[in-house]
């Protein structure tokens, strides 16, 4: 959605989707385990995504949080 409304460009969207697909595949294959002191699955995926794609992932997460806040106002 963020790509469709031009908040993120195609390269950023592709990077995020690729990172998320890799994380899912590794979880399904048992390579990446949901262990540790994670608040929830979202914080786990957020951290893993930022580790993999850097600032694009962080930007994505922050924009998502801000949109949710706006919807709740």
Protein backbone atom coordinates (compact mmCIF):
# COMPACT_ATOMS: atom_id res chain seq x y z
CA UNK A 1 0.00 0.00 0.00
CA UNK A 2 2.81 2.43 0.84
CA UNK A 3 4.20 1.86 -2.64
CA UNK A 4 0.83 2.41 -4.30
CA UNK A 5 0.44 5.83 -2.70
CA UNK A 6 4.08 6.74 -3.45
CA UNK A 7 5.26 6.94 0.14
CA UNK A 8 7.85 4.28 -0.70
CA UNK A 9 9.43 3.84 -4.13
CA UNK A 10 9.49 0.55 -6.04
CA UNK A 11 13.03 -0.29 -4.92
CA UNK A 12 12.10 0.16 -1.26
CA UNK A 13 8.94 -1.92 -1.64
CA UNK A 14 10.86 -4.69 -3.41
CA UNK A 15 13.53 -4.70 -0.69
CA UNK A 16 10.92 -4.94 2.07
CA UNK A 17 8.95 -7.70 0.35
CA UNK A 18 12.10 -9.69 -0.38
CA UNK A 19 13.21 -9.37 3.24
CA UNK A 20 9.82 -10.46 4.56
CA UNK A 21 9.70 -13.43 2.17
CA UNK A 22 13.19 -14.54 3.28
CA UNK A 23 12.18 -14.32 6.94
CA UNK A 24 9.02 -16.35 6.33
CA UNK A 25 10.91 -19.00 4.38
CA UNK A 26 13.57 -19.32 7.09
CA UNK A 27 10.90 -19.64 9.81
CA UNK A 28 9.03 -22.30 7.81
CA UNK A 29 12.27 -24.24 7.17
CA UNK A 30 13.31 -24.06 10.83
CA UNK A 31 16.41 -22.00 10.03
CA UNK A 32 15.14 -18.97 11.93
CA UNK A 33 13.50 -19.79 15.25
CA UNK A 34 11.18 -17.61 17.26
CA UNK A 35 13.29 -17.71 20.39
CA UNK A 36 14.27 -15.03 22.82
CA UNK A 37 12.70 -12.16 24.67
CA UNK A 38 10.45 -10.83 21.94
CA UNK A 39 7.39 -8.84 22.91
CA UNK A 40 5.47 -10.47 20.06
CA UNK A 41 5.88 -11.76 16.50
CA UNK A 42 5.78 -8.20 15.18
CA UNK A 43 8.81 -7.08 17.18
CA UNK A 44 10.66 -10.23 16.09
CA UNK A 45 9.94 -9.64 12.39
CA UNK A 46 10.67 -5.91 12.69
CA UNK A 47 14.10 -6.55 14.19
CA UNK A 48 14.98 -9.25 11.65
CA UNK A 49 13.81 -7.07 8.75
CA UNK A 50 15.83 -4.06 9.90
CA UNK A 51 18.88 -6.33 10.36
CA UNK A 52 18.52 -7.52 6.76
CA UNK A 53 17.59 -4.40 4.84
CA UNK A 54 18.70 -1.57 7.11
CA UNK A 55 17.10 1.84 7.11
CA UNK A 56 14.45 0.95 4.53
CA UNK A 57 13.01 -1.53 7.03
CA UNK A 58 13.14 0.98 9.84
CA UNK A 59 11.47 3.62 7.67
CA UNK A 60 8.73 1.15 6.73
CA UNK A 61 8.01 0.24 10.34
CA UNK A 62 7.97 3.87 11.52
CA UNK A 63 5.62 4.91 8.73
CA UNK A 64 3.31 2.02 9.51
CA UNK A 65 3.16 3.03 13.20
CA UNK A 66 2.44 6.65 12.32
CA UNK A 67 -0.41 5.62 10.01
CA UNK A 68 -1.94 3.49 12.74
CA UNK A 69 -1.72 6.41 15.17
CA UNK A 70 -3.49 8.67 12.67
CA UNK A 71 -6.27 6.13 12.23
CA UNK A 72 -6.80 5.97 16.00
CA UNK A 73 -7.14 9.72 16.45
